[in-house]
Amino acid sequence: MYGTRSAGGRAAAAAVGAALLLAGCSSSGGGDRKNDSGGAITQQPKTSDPFWVNPDGNAARQVAAYRKAGKTAEADQIRKIAERPTGEWIGPENPEAEAQGFTEAARKADRTALLVLYNVPHRDCGQFSQGGAADGNAYRTWIDGVARGIGDRRATVILEPDAVLHMVDGCTPAQFHEERYDLLKGAIAKLKALKNTKVYLDAGNAGWQHPDRIFQPLQRAGVAQADGFAVNVSNFYSTPESIAYGKQLSAKVGGKHFVIDTSRNGNGPYATGDPQQRWCNPPGRALGETPTTSTADPLVDAYLWVKRPGESDGTCQGGPKAGDWWAAYALKLAEASK
């Protein structure tokens, strides 16, 4: 089974991006994180992890709430998430303000913002994360806003989880394919025209049947113009499995580099139960390798936490709607991690 899954991410509200910009929320500038578990959430060492840690994310707020309630052990567990950089999923309403806010906060901390763009029309085929831009023109306008918001600041962009995969597996109706290819190519061109932006097009996961089925659609979507592709977004396949899949795929698309979402793959995929639910809030999972650009293979540019650990995949396994913070699940991920 190829492991279709919802990307399950929701962007922060536009107000968050604006607040970060106005407050200059840089978490002590270029400094590293504090070792004191009671200290503020600060940045990881830039030498191994150049990506920006949001000091006001859901996990950071949960740490504060647990500490206020005297739940020190729980707070220390959630710090495993709060002190790591995670993807900022840009919302549909104010892309320029959000992208500007996150990248400006990252710039002030001398780090790179990790942004996830997930707004293509007919997104997720009516499943848990259904939605997206109303049409192609609305999407192009949205991408233009994201690009204006990023400007010349450093950003790494994960482009449209599931968008290519769902054309290949038949989830997205055929009448939408040509427009989607055009939108993805246009988004890559727009973002790569920026001075300091890297773009990785989503390319499925190691549960996919075989790279032979997806490499040509990736080429049609413009992967040659991107910095590379992303694998395992919002999924649970192990890092060795993901490296093997990525290397097979890279060989078919001109040796392109790739990044791996390691946010929840510490225990690998869930192997029992309904196959269609293995990607949706499966029990017994764990945080994976922490974000870093020091990886096990020269083709792998980074391990990233694209999916924000602790945010629900959808209303399954007792979870809230896709993208909502779920403290109980976050705590289990952290407790199960090394």
C-alpha atoms as a PDB file:
ATOM      1  CA  MET A   1       0.000   0.000   0.000  1.00  0.00           C
ATOM      2  CA  TYR A   2       1.374   3.397  -0.922  1.00  0.00           C
ATOM      3  CA  GLY A   3       0.413   5.203   2.255  1.00  0.00           C
ATOM      4  CA  THR A   4      -1.756   8.134   1.179  1.00  0.00           C
ATOM      5  CA  ARG A   5      -2.003  10.675   3.958  1.00  0.00           C
ATOM      6  CA  SER A   6      -3.262  14.095   4.749  1.00  0.00           C
ATOM      7  CA  ALA A   7      -0.502  16.614   5.265  1.00  0.00           C
ATOM      8  CA  GLY A   8      -2.469  17.618   8.317  1.00  0.00           C
ATOM      9  CA  GLY A   9      -0.912  21.050   8.783  1.00  0.00           C
ATOM     10  CA  ARG A  10      -2.647  24.296   9.534  1.00  0.00           C
ATOM     11  CA  ALA A  11      -0.960  27.651   9.300  1.00  0.00           C
ATOM     12  CA  ALA A  12      -0.713  29.974  12.238  1.00  0.00           C
ATOM     13  CA  ALA A  13      -3.211  32.798  12.094  1.00  0.00           C
ATOM     14  CA  ALA A  14      -2.143  35.859  10.156  1.00  0.00           C
ATOM     15  CA  ALA A  15      -2.046  37.739  13.419  1.00  0.00           C
ATOM     16  CA  VAL A  16       0.803  35.514  14.583  1.00  0.00           C
ATOM     17  CA  GLY A  17       2.977  36.498  11.635  1.00  0.00           C
ATOM     18  CA  ALA A  18       2.166  40.147  12.138  1.00  0.00           C
ATOM     19  CA  ALA A  19       2.839  39.924  15.854  1.00  0.00           C
ATOM     20  CA  LEU A  20       6.194  38.272  15.279  1.00  0.00           C
ATOM     21  CA  LEU A  21       7.139  41.013  12.868  1.00  0.00           C
ATOM     22  CA  LEU A  22       6.049  43.829  15.140  1.00  0.00           C
ATOM     23  CA  ALA A  23       7.536  42.326  18.277  1.00  0.00           C
ATOM     24  CA  GLY A  24      10.793  41.363  16.593  1.00  0.00           C
ATOM     25  CA  CYS A  25      10.533  38.004  18.313  1.00  0.00           C
ATOM     26  CA  SER A  26      14.065  36.766  17.784  1.00  0.00           C
ATOM     27  CA  SER A  27      14.633  34.633  20.885  1.00  0.00           C
ATOM     28  CA  SER A  28      17.909  36.185  21.956  1.00  0.00           C
ATOM     29  CA  GLY A  29      19.177  36.815  18.451  1.00  0.00           C
ATOM     30  CA  GLY A  30      21.935  34.498  17.353  1.00  0.00           C
ATOM     31  CA  GLY A  31      22.257  32.813  20.732  1.00  0.00           C
ATOM     32  CA  ASP A  32      21.829  29.101  21.335  1.00  0.00           C
ATOM     33  CA  ARG A  33      19.101  27.600  23.485  1.00  0.00           C
ATOM     34  CA  LYS A  34      19.391  27.591  27.247  1.00  0.00           C
ATOM     35  CA  ASN A  35      20.106  24.343  29.050  1.00  0.00           C
ATOM     36  CA  ASP A  36      17.916  25.341  31.987  1.00  0.00           C
ATOM     37  CA  SER A  37      14.553  23.629  31.480  1.00  0.00           C
ATOM     38  CA  GLY A  38      12.854  26.645  33.037  1.00  0.00           C
ATOM     39  CA  GLY A  39      14.410  29.104  30.597  1.00  0.00           C
ATOM     40  CA  ALA A  40      12.873  30.710  27.556  1.00  0.00           C
ATOM     41  CA  ILE A  41      12.718  28.869  24.256  1.00  0.00           C
ATOM     42  CA  THR A  42      15.751  29.986  22.258  1.00  0.00           C
ATOM     43  CA  GLN A  43      17.631  28.917  19.138  1.00  0.00           C
ATOM     44  CA  GLN A  44      19.589  25.754  18.412  1.00  0.00           C
ATOM     45  CA  PRO A  45      23.297  26.005  17.501  1.00  0.00           C
ATOM     46  CA  LYS A  46      23.444  27.449  14.019  1.00  0.00           C
ATOM     47  CA  THR A  47      26.312  25.218  12.918  1.00  0.00           C
ATOM     48  CA  SER A  48      24.144  22.090  12.909  1.00  0.00           C
ATOM     49  CA  ASP A  49      20.634  23.535  12.745  1.00  0.00           C
ATOM     50  CA  PRO A  50      20.270  26.836  10.884  1.00  0.00           C
ATOM     51  CA  PHE A  51      16.462  26.892  11.032  1.00  0.00           C
ATOM     52  CA  TRP A  52      14.423  29.256  13.182  1.00  0.00           C
ATOM     53  CA  VAL A  53      12.744  28.095  16.384  1.00  0.00           C
ATOM     54  CA  ASN A  54       9.426  29.853  16.961  1.00  0.00           C
ATOM     55  CA  PRO A  55       9.455  30.803  20.667  1.00  0.00           C
ATOM     56  CA  ASP A  56       5.690  31.294  20.692  1.00  0.00           C
ATOM     57  CA  GLY A  57       4.485  28.125  18.974  1.00  0.00           C
ATOM     58  CA  ASN A  58       1.873  25.732  20.339  1.00  0.00           C
ATOM     59  CA  ALA A  59       4.492  23.549  22.009  1.00  0.00           C
ATOM     60  CA  ALA A  60       6.131  26.537  23.700  1.00  0.00           C
ATOM     61  CA  ARG A  61       2.756  27.648  25.022  1.00  0.00           C
ATOM     62  CA  GLN A  62       2.086  24.131  26.275  1.00  0.00           C
ATOM     63  CA  VAL A  63       5.409  24.141  28.142  1.00  0.00           C
ATOM     64  CA  ALA A  64       4.397  27.388  29.847  1.00  0.00           C
ATOM     65  CA  ALA A  65       0.955  26.007  30.710  1.00  0.00           C
ATOM     66  CA  TYR A  66       2.380  22.832  32.215  1.00  0.00           C
ATOM     67  CA  ARG A  67       4.916  24.786  34.249  1.00  0.00           C
ATOM     68  CA  LYS A  68       2.229  27.122  35.550  1.00  0.00           C
ATOM     69  CA  ALA A  69       0.221  24.074  36.602  1.00  0.00           C
ATOM     70  CA  GLY A  70       3.236  22.601  38.367  1.00  0.00           C
ATOM     71  CA  LYS A  71       3.554  19.740  35.862  1.00  0.00           C
ATOM     72  CA  THR A  72       7.318  19.938  35.540  1.00  0.00           C
ATOM     73  CA  ALA A  73       7.818  16.450  34.090  1.00  0.00           C
ATOM     74  CA  GLU A  74       5.260  17.068  31.348  1.00  0.00           C
ATOM     75  CA  ALA A  75       6.770  20.466  30.586  1.00  0.00           C
ATOM     76  CA  ASP A  76      10.217  18.930  30.200  1.00  0.00           C
ATOM     77  CA  GLN A  77       8.838  16.375  27.741  1.00  0.00           C
ATOM     78  CA  ILE A  78       7.085  18.974  25.579  1.00  0.00           C
ATOM     79  CA  ARG A  79      10.281  21.050  25.531  1.00  0.00           C
ATOM     80  CA  LYS A  80      11.650  18.328  23.232  1.00  0.00           C
ATOM     81  CA  ILE A  81       9.232  19.745  20.648  1.00  0.00           C
ATOM     82  CA  ALA A  82       9.183  23.404  21.660  1.00  0.00           C
ATOM     83  CA  GLU A  83      12.939  23.896  21.381  1.00  0.00           C
ATOM     84  CA  ARG A  84      13.171  22.522  17.829  1.00  0.00           C
ATOM     85  CA  PRO A  85      12.400  24.367  14.585  1.00  0.00           C
ATOM     86  CA  THR A  86       9.190  23.250  12.905  1.00  0.00           C
ATOM     87  CA  GLY A  87       7.441  24.222   9.690  1.00  0.00           C
ATOM     88  CA  GLU A  88       5.281  27.324   9.612  1.00  0.00           C
ATOM     89  CA  TRP A  89       2.266  26.497   7.434  1.00  0.00           C
ATOM     90  CA  ILE A  90       1.198  29.689   5.659  1.00  0.00           C
ATOM     91  CA  GLY A  91      -2.551  30.273   5.799  1.00  0.00           C
ATOM     92  CA  PRO A  92      -4.905  31.259   2.981  1.00  0.00           C
ATOM     93  CA  GLU A  93      -5.952  34.728   4.080  1.00  0.00           C
ATOM     94  CA  ASN A  94      -2.832  36.847   4.641  1.00  0.00           C
ATOM     95  CA  PRO A  95       0.126  35.090   3.028  1.00  0.00           C
ATOM     96  CA  GLU A  96       2.255  38.217   2.683  1.00  0.00           C
ATOM     97  CA  ALA A  97       1.904  39.228   6.337  1.00  0.00           C
ATOM     98  CA  GLU A  98       2.603  35.714   7.602  1.00  0.00           C
ATOM     99  CA  ALA A  99       5.569  35.075   5.336  1.00  0.00           C
ATOM    100  CA  GLN A 100       7.011  38.473   6.214  1.00  0.00           C
ATOM    101  CA  GLY A 101       6.469  37.942   9.922  1.00  0.00           C
ATOM    102  CA  PHE A 102       8.119  34.540  10.073  1.00  0.00           C
ATOM    103  CA  THR A 103      11.051  35.397   7.832  1.00  0.00           C
ATOM    104  CA  GLU A 104      11.682  38.700   9.597  1.00  0.00           C
ATOM    105  CA  ALA A 105      11.684  36.999  13.002  1.00  0.00           C
ATOM    106  CA  ALA A 106      14.076  34.379  11.610  1.00  0.00           C
ATOM    107  CA  ARG A 107      16.322  37.081  10.162  1.00  0.00           C
ATOM    108  CA  LYS A 108      16.544  38.850  13.520  1.00  0.00           C
ATOM    109  CA  ALA A 109      17.616  35.558  15.075  1.00  0.00           C
ATOM    110  CA  ASP A 110      20.129  35.020  12.236  1.00  0.00           C
ATOM    111  CA  ARG A 111      18.322  31.852  11.187  1.00  0.00           C
ATOM    112  CA  THR A 112      16.395  30.537   8.175  1.00  0.00           C
ATOM    113  CA  ALA A 113      12.602  30.306   8.209  1.00  0.00           C
ATOM    114  CA  LEU A 114      11.053  26.937   7.320  1.00  0.00           C
ATOM    115  CA  LEU A 115       7.775  27.572   5.489  1.00  0.00           C
ATOM    116  CA  VAL A 116       5.200  25.089   4.199  1.00  0.00           C
ATOM    117  CA  LEU A 117       2.881  26.057   1.351  1.00  0.00           C
ATOM    118  CA  TYR A 118      -0.280  23.970   1.297  1.00  0.00           C
ATOM    119  CA  ASN A 119      -3.050  25.760  -0.554  1.00  0.00           C
ATOM    120  CA  VAL A 120      -3.316  24.243  -4.032  1.00  0.00           C
ATOM    121  CA  PRO A 121      -6.893  24.053  -5.394  1.00  0.00           C
ATOM    122  CA  HIS A 122      -8.738  20.779  -4.621  1.00  0.00           C
ATOM    123  CA  ARG A 123      -6.292  20.070  -1.811  1.00  0.00           C
ATOM    124  CA  ASP A 124      -6.448  16.635  -0.144  1.00  0.00           C
ATOM    125  CA  CYS A 125      -9.348  15.459  -2.352  1.00  0.00           C
ATOM    126  CA  GLY A 126     -12.029  16.191   0.226  1.00  0.00           C
ATOM    127  CA  GLN A 127     -10.306  14.318   3.045  1.00  0.00           C
ATOM    128  CA  PHE A 128      -9.354  15.625   6.520  1.00  0.00           C
ATOM    129  CA  SER A 129      -7.367  18.603   5.179  1.00  0.00           C
ATOM    130  CA  GLN A 130      -9.642  19.486   2.295  1.00  0.00           C
ATOM    131  CA  GLY A 131      -9.639  23.066   1.056  1.00  0.00           C
ATOM    132  CA  GLY A 132      -7.139  25.154  -0.824  1.00  0.00           C
ATOM    133  CA  ALA A 133      -7.408  28.158  -3.096  1.00  0.00           C
ATOM    134  CA  ALA A 134     -10.694  28.664  -4.919  1.00  0.00           C
ATOM    135  CA  ASP A 135      -9.094  28.406  -8.361  1.00  0.00           C
ATOM    136  CA  GLY A 136      -5.851  28.778 -10.256  1.00  0.00           C
ATOM    137  CA  ASN A 137      -5.895  32.567 -10.318  1.00  0.00           C
ATOM    138  CA  ALA A 138      -6.508  32.719  -6.574  1.00  0.00           C
ATOM    139  CA  TYR A 139      -3.558  30.387  -6.034  1.00  0.00           C
ATOM    140  CA  ARG A 140      -1.245  32.467  -8.210  1.00  0.00           C
ATOM    141  CA  THR A 141      -2.253  35.571  -6.260  1.00  0.00           C
ATOM    142  CA  TRP A 142      -1.569  33.721  -3.008  1.00  0.00           C
ATOM    143  CA  ILE A 143       1.897  32.622  -4.178  1.00  0.00           C
ATOM    144  CA  ASP A 144       2.635  36.202  -5.216  1.00  0.00           C
ATOM    145  CA  GLY A 145       1.777  37.286  -1.674  1.00  0.00           C
ATOM    146  CA  VAL A 146       4.048  34.650  -0.147  1.00  0.00           C
ATOM    147  CA  ALA A 147       6.905  35.753  -2.408  1.00  0.00           C
ATOM    148  CA  ARG A 148       6.450  39.420  -1.485  1.00  0.00           C
ATOM    149  CA  GLY A 149       6.418  38.468   2.182  1.00  0.00           C
ATOM    150  CA  ILE A 150       9.662  36.486   1.947  1.00  0.00           C
ATOM    151  CA  GLY A 151      11.494  39.103  -0.076  1.00  0.00           C
ATOM    152  CA  ASP A 152      15.278  38.792   0.199  1.00  0.00           C
ATOM    153  CA  ARG A 153      15.216  37.060   3.594  1.00  0.00           C
ATOM    154  CA  ARG A 154      16.346  33.446   3.962  1.00  0.00           C
ATOM    155  CA  ALA A 155      13.642  30.812   3.644  1.00  0.00           C
ATOM    156  CA  THR A 156      13.370  27.105   2.924  1.00  0.00           C
ATOM    157  CA  VAL A 157       9.997  26.251   1.402  1.00  0.00           C
ATOM    158  CA  ILE A 158       8.293  22.858   1.316  1.00  0.00           C
ATOM    159  CA  LEU A 159       5.905  23.113  -1.610  1.00  0.00           C
ATOM    160  CA  GLU A 160       2.452  21.534  -1.587  1.00  0.00           C
ATOM    161  CA  PRO A 161       2.440  18.254   0.321  1.00  0.00           C
ATOM    162  CA  ASP A 162       0.481  15.576  -1.571  1.00  0.00           C
ATOM    163  CA  ALA A 163      -0.096  17.730  -4.662  1.00  0.00           C
ATOM    164  CA  VAL A 164       1.892  15.518  -7.058  1.00  0.00           C
ATOM    165  CA  LEU A 165       1.227  12.235  -5.271  1.00  0.00           C
ATOM    166  CA  HIS A 166      -2.527  12.708  -5.402  1.00  0.00           C
ATOM    167  CA  MET A 167      -2.428  13.180  -9.154  1.00  0.00           C
ATOM    168  CA  VAL A 168      -0.535   9.911  -9.525  1.00  0.00           C
ATOM    169  CA  ASP A 169      -2.658   7.820  -7.179  1.00  0.00           C
ATOM    170  CA  GLY A 170      -5.944   8.986  -8.730  1.00  0.00           C
ATOM    171  CA  CYS A 171      -7.159  10.903  -5.693  1.00  0.00           C
ATOM    172  CA  THR A 172      -7.187  14.212  -7.604  1.00  0.00           C
ATOM    173  CA  PRO A 173      -9.559  14.016 -10.614  1.00  0.00           C
ATOM    174  CA  ALA A 174      -7.856  14.059 -14.004  1.00  0.00           C
ATOM    175  CA  GLN A 175      -9.550  17.270 -15.126  1.00  0.00           C
ATOM    176  CA  PHE A 176      -7.514  19.205 -12.557  1.00  0.00           C
ATOM    177  CA  HIS A 177      -4.093  17.787 -13.460  1.00  0.00           C
ATOM    178  CA  GLU A 178      -2.946  20.164 -16.185  1.00  0.00           C
ATOM    179  CA  GLU A 179      -3.788  23.226 -14.142  1.00  0.00           C
ATOM    180  CA  ARG A 180      -2.037  21.774 -11.093  1.00  0.00           C
ATOM    181  CA  TYR A 181       1.156  21.088 -13.028  1.00  0.00           C
ATOM    182  CA  ASP A 182       1.080  24.657 -14.285  1.00  0.00           C
ATOM    183  CA  LEU A 183       0.494  26.046 -10.797  1.00  0.00           C
ATOM    184  CA  LEU A 184       3.350  24.070  -9.289  1.00  0.00           C
ATOM    185  CA  LYS A 185       5.773  25.074 -12.034  1.00  0.00           C
ATOM    186  CA  GLY A 186       4.711  28.688 -11.631  1.00  0.00           C
ATOM    187  CA  ALA A 187       5.134  28.562  -7.856  1.00  0.00           C
ATOM    188  CA  ILE A 188       8.644  27.138  -8.179  1.00  0.00           C
ATOM    189  CA  ALA A 189       9.610  29.793 -10.717  1.00  0.00           C
ATOM    190  CA  LYS A 190       8.216  32.612  -8.565  1.00  0.00           C
ATOM    191  CA  LEU A 191       9.931  31.435  -5.383  1.00  0.00           C
ATOM    192  CA  LYS A 192      13.249  30.587  -7.026  1.00  0.00           C
ATOM    193  CA  ALA A 193      13.396  34.127  -8.412  1.00  0.00           C
ATOM    194  CA  LEU A 194      13.889  35.282  -4.829  1.00  0.00           C
ATOM    195  CA  LYS A 195      17.438  35.883  -3.656  1.00  0.00           C
ATOM    196  CA  ASN A 196      17.655  33.548  -0.650  1.00  0.00           C
ATOM    197  CA  THR A 197      14.830  31.016  -0.990  1.00  0.00           C
ATOM    198  CA  LYS A 198      15.226  27.261  -1.397  1.00  0.00           C
ATOM    199  CA  VAL A 199      12.293  25.194  -2.672  1.00  0.00           C
ATOM    200  CA  TYR A 200      11.630  21.477  -2.191  1.00  0.00           C
ATOM    201  CA  LEU A 201       8.644  19.956  -4.005  1.00  0.00           C
ATOM    202  CA  ASP A 202       6.800  17.243  -2.093  1.00  0.00           C
ATOM    203  CA  ALA A 203       7.463  13.773  -3.520  1.00  0.00           C
ATOM    204  CA  GLY A 204       5.551  11.318  -1.357  1.00  0.00           C
ATOM    205  CA  ASN A 205       7.075   8.768   0.981  1.00  0.00           C
ATOM    206  CA  ALA A 206       8.747   5.383   1.259  1.00  0.00           C
ATOM    207  CA  GLY A 207       5.361   3.671   1.362  1.00  0.00           C
ATOM    208  CA  TRP A 208       4.796   4.706  -2.239  1.00  0.00           C
ATOM    209  CA  GLN A 209       4.712   1.714  -4.619  1.00  0.00           C
ATOM    210  CA  HIS A 210       7.764   2.685  -6.652  1.00  0.00           C
ATOM    211  CA  PRO A 211       9.548   5.873  -7.738  1.00  0.00           C
ATOM    212  CA  ASP A 212       8.896   4.864 -11.364  1.00  0.00           C
ATOM    213  CA  ARG A 213       5.318   6.065 -11.000  1.00  0.00           C
ATOM    214  CA  ILE A 214       6.050   9.508  -9.627  1.00  0.00           C
ATOM    215  CA  PHE A 215       9.298  10.731 -11.153  1.00  0.00           C
ATOM    216  CA  GLN A 216       7.802  11.874 -14.461  1.00  0.00           C
ATOM    217  CA  PRO A 217       4.950  13.773 -12.748  1.00  0.00           C
ATOM    218  CA  LEU A 218       7.599  15.458 -10.572  1.00  0.00           C
ATOM    219  CA  GLN A 219       9.449  16.485 -13.706  1.00  0.00           C
ATOM    220  CA  ARG A 220       6.241  17.874 -15.229  1.00  0.00           C
ATOM    221  CA  ALA A 221       5.678  19.837 -12.009  1.00  0.00           C
ATOM    222  CA  GLY A 222       9.051  21.567 -12.359  1.00  0.00           C
ATOM    223  CA  VAL A 223      11.322  19.726  -9.929  1.00  0.00           C
ATOM    224  CA  ALA A 224      14.291  20.448 -12.205  1.00  0.00           C
ATOM    225  CA  GLN A 225      13.957  24.152 -11.368  1.00  0.00           C
ATOM    226  CA  ALA A 226      13.584  23.501  -7.627  1.00  0.00           C
ATOM    227  CA  ASP A 227      16.410  22.862  -5.188  1.00  0.00           C
ATOM    228  CA  GLY A 228      15.090  19.351  -4.787  1.00  0.00           C
ATOM    229  CA  PHE A 229      12.190  17.429  -3.294  1.00  0.00           C
ATOM    230  CA  ALA A 230      10.808  16.492   0.128  1.00  0.00           C
ATOM    231  CA  VAL A 231       9.900  13.019   1.351  1.00  0.00           C
ATOM    232  CA  ASN A 232       7.922  11.638   4.298  1.00  0.00           C
ATOM    233  CA  VAL A 233       6.020  14.877   4.959  1.00  0.00           C
ATOM    234  CA  SER A 234       3.533  14.232   7.768  1.00  0.00           C
ATOM    235  CA  ASN A 235       4.350  10.530   7.618  1.00  0.00           C
ATOM    236  CA  PHE A 236       6.151   7.990   9.757  1.00  0.00           C
ATOM    237  CA  TYR A 237       8.564   6.012   7.594  1.00  0.00           C
ATOM    238  CA  SER A 238      11.999   5.613   9.140  1.00  0.00           C
ATOM    239  CA  THR A 239      14.914   7.765   8.099  1.00  0.00           C
ATOM    240  CA  PRO A 240      16.814   4.841   6.482  1.00  0.00           C
ATOM    241  CA  GLU A 241      13.683   3.915   4.505  1.00  0.00           C
ATOM    242  CA  SER A 242      13.228   7.534   3.479  1.00  0.00           C
ATOM    243  CA  ILE A 243      16.848   7.884   2.401  1.00  0.00           C
ATOM    244  CA  ALA A 244      16.579   4.750   0.268  1.00  0.00           C
ATOM    245  CA  TYR A 245      13.380   5.995  -1.382  1.00  0.00           C
ATOM    246  CA  GLY A 246      14.804   9.466  -1.920  1.00  0.00           C
ATOM    247  CA  LYS A 247      17.988   8.156  -3.489  1.00  0.00           C
ATOM    248  CA  GLN A 248      16.030   5.970  -5.904  1.00  0.00           C
ATOM    249  CA  LEU A 249      13.923   8.943  -6.882  1.00  0.00           C
ATOM    250  CA  SER A 250      16.896  11.302  -7.107  1.00  0.00           C
ATOM    251  CA  ALA A 251      18.554   9.017  -9.650  1.00  0.00           C
ATOM    252  CA  LYS A 252      15.501   9.434 -11.876  1.00  0.00           C
ATOM    253  CA  VAL A 253      15.270  13.242 -11.636  1.00  0.00           C
ATOM    254  CA  GLY A 254      18.779  14.338 -12.413  1.00  0.00           C
ATOM    255  CA  GLY A 255      20.448  13.695  -9.079  1.00  0.00           C
ATOM    256  CA  LYS A 256      18.339  16.213  -7.192  1.00  0.00           C
ATOM    257  CA  HIS A 257      18.929  16.558  -3.466  1.00  0.00           C
ATOM    258  CA  PHE A 258      16.110  16.069  -0.977  1.00  0.00           C
ATOM    259  CA  VAL A 259      14.975  16.711   2.596  1.00  0.00           C
ATOM    260  CA  ILE A 260      13.239  14.305   4.973  1.00  0.00           C
ATOM    261  CA  ASP A 261      10.468  15.037   7.461  1.00  0.00           C
ATOM    262  CA  THR A 262      11.678  13.262  10.609  1.00  0.00           C
ATOM    263  CA  SER A 263       9.179  14.886  12.965  1.00  0.00           C
ATOM    264  CA  ARG A 264       7.364  11.698  13.992  1.00  0.00           C
ATOM    265  CA  ASN A 265       9.306   8.782  12.512  1.00  0.00           C
ATOM    266  CA  GLY A 266      11.237   7.695  15.602  1.00  0.00           C
ATOM    267  CA  ASN A 267       9.378   4.366  15.790  1.00  0.00           C
ATOM    268  CA  GLY A 268       8.715   4.007  12.086  1.00  0.00           C
ATOM    269  CA  PRO A 269       5.239   3.484  10.598  1.00  0.00           C
ATOM    270  CA  TYR A 270       2.262   1.980  12.361  1.00  0.00           C
ATOM    271  CA  ALA A 271       2.003  -1.549  11.002  1.00  0.00           C
ATOM    272  CA  THR A 272      -1.406  -2.694  12.246  1.00  0.00           C
ATOM    273  CA  GLY A 273      -5.002  -1.595  11.920  1.00  0.00           C
ATOM    274  CA  ASP A 274      -6.783  -0.050   8.953  1.00  0.00           C
ATOM    275  CA  PRO A 275      -4.158   0.747   6.270  1.00  0.00           C
ATOM    276  CA  GLN A 276      -6.004   3.951   5.420  1.00  0.00           C
ATOM    277  CA  GLN A 277      -5.618   5.124   9.010  1.00  0.00           C
ATOM    278  CA  ARG A 278      -1.948   4.298   9.547  1.00  0.00           C
ATOM    279  CA  TRP A 279      -0.984   7.861   8.684  1.00  0.00           C
ATOM    280  CA  CYS A 280      -3.707   9.480  10.801  1.00  0.00           C
ATOM    281  CA  ASN A 281      -2.737   9.961  14.455  1.00  0.00           C
ATOM    282  CA  PRO A 282      -1.403   6.408  14.812  1.00  0.00           C
ATOM    283  CA  PRO A 283      -0.605   5.344  18.376  1.00  0.00           C
ATOM    284  CA  GLY A 284       2.832   4.466  19.669  1.00  0.00           C
ATOM    285  CA  ARG A 285       4.820   6.827  17.447  1.00  0.00           C
ATOM    286  CA  ALA A 286       7.823   8.905  18.536  1.00  0.00           C
ATOM    287  CA  LEU A 287       9.760  12.005  17.601  1.00  0.00           C
ATOM    288  CA  GLY A 288      12.486  11.317  15.038  1.00  0.00           C
ATOM    289  CA  GLU A 289      15.923  12.794  14.387  1.00  0.00           C
ATOM    290  CA  THR A 290      16.112  16.409  15.410  1.00  0.00           C
ATOM    291  CA  PRO A 291      16.282  18.987  12.607  1.00  0.00           C
ATOM    292  CA  THR A 292      19.766  19.389  11.214  1.00  0.00           C
ATOM    293  CA  THR A 293      21.719  19.902   8.011  1.00  0.00           C
ATOM    294  CA  SER A 294      24.261  17.291   9.184  1.00  0.00           C
ATOM    295  CA  THR A 295      22.730  14.149   7.683  1.00  0.00           C
ATOM    296  CA  ALA A 296      23.702  10.574   6.880  1.00  0.00           C
ATOM    297  CA  ASP A 297      23.923  11.055   3.121  1.00  0.00           C
ATOM    298  CA  PRO A 298      25.287  13.819   0.849  1.00  0.00           C
ATOM    299  CA  LEU A 299      22.057  13.826  -1.166  1.00  0.00           C
ATOM    300  CA  VAL A 300      20.021  14.638   1.956  1.00  0.00           C
ATOM    301  CA  ASP A 301      20.180  18.386   2.528  1.00  0.00           C
ATOM    302  CA  ALA A 302      18.406  18.287   5.888  1.00  0.00           C
ATOM    303  CA  TYR A 303      16.275  16.441   8.364  1.00  0.00           C
ATOM    304  CA  LEU A 304      13.317  18.732   9.047  1.00  0.00           C
ATOM    305  CA  TRP A 305      10.249  18.765  11.236  1.00  0.00           C
ATOM    306  CA  VAL A 306       7.843  19.797   8.499  1.00  0.00           C
ATOM    307  CA  LYS A 307       4.775  18.476  10.262  1.00  0.00           C
ATOM    308  CA  ARG A 308       4.553  20.106  13.670  1.00  0.00           C
ATOM    309  CA  PRO A 309       4.591  17.280  16.248  1.00  0.00           C
ATOM    310  CA  GLY A 310       1.520  17.410  18.432  1.00  0.00           C
ATOM    311  CA  GLU A 311      -0.818  18.825  15.788  1.00  0.00           C
ATOM    312  CA  SER A 312      -3.549  16.435  14.732  1.00  0.00           C
ATOM    313  CA  ASP A 313      -3.722  14.681  11.366  1.00  0.00           C
ATOM    314  CA  GLY A 314      -7.520  14.790  11.478  1.00  0.00           C
ATOM    315  CA  THR A 315     -10.578  13.582  13.343  1.00  0.00           C
ATOM    316  CA  CYS A 316      -9.405  10.002  13.713  1.00  0.00           C
ATOM    317  CA  GLN A 317      -8.132   7.978  16.687  1.00  0.00           C
ATOM    318  CA  GLY A 318      -9.941  10.474  18.903  1.00  0.00           C
ATOM    319  CA  GLY A 319      -8.073  13.499  17.555  1.00  0.00           C
ATOM    320  CA  PRO A 320      -9.323  17.032  16.916  1.00  0.00           C
ATOM    321  CA  LYS A 321      -9.568  18.470  13.411  1.00  0.00           C
ATOM    322  CA  ALA A 322      -6.502  18.495  11.191  1.00  0.00           C
ATOM    323  CA  GLY A 323      -3.871  20.955  12.347  1.00  0.00           C
ATOM    324  CA  ASP A 324      -5.279  21.559  15.830  1.00  0.00           C
ATOM    325  CA  TRP A 325      -2.903  21.174  18.770  1.00  0.00           C
ATOM    326  CA  TRP A 326      -3.420  17.922  20.695  1.00  0.00           C
ATOM    327  CA  ALA A 327      -1.434  18.032  23.928  1.00  0.00           C
ATOM    328  CA  ALA A 328      -2.031  14.396  24.877  1.00  0.00           C
ATOM    329  CA  TYR A 329      -0.682  13.127  21.555  1.00  0.00           C
ATOM    330  CA  ALA A 330       2.269  15.520  21.708  1.00  0.00           C
ATOM    331  CA  LEU A 331       3.145  14.214  25.164  1.00  0.00           C
ATOM    332  CA  LYS A 332       3.078  10.610  23.964  1.00  0.00           C
ATOM    333  CA  LEU A 333       5.353  11.434  21.006  1.00  0.00           C
ATOM    334  CA  ALA A 334       7.842  13.098  23.312  1.00  0.00           C
ATOM    335  CA  GLU A 335       7.736  10.401  25.982  1.00  0.00           C
ATOM    336  CA  ALA A 336       8.358   7.689  23.392  1.00  0.00           C
ATOM    337  CA  SER A 337      11.363   9.451  21.883  1.00  0.00           C
ATOM    338  CA  LYS A 338      14.956   8.808  22.853  1.00  0.00           C
END
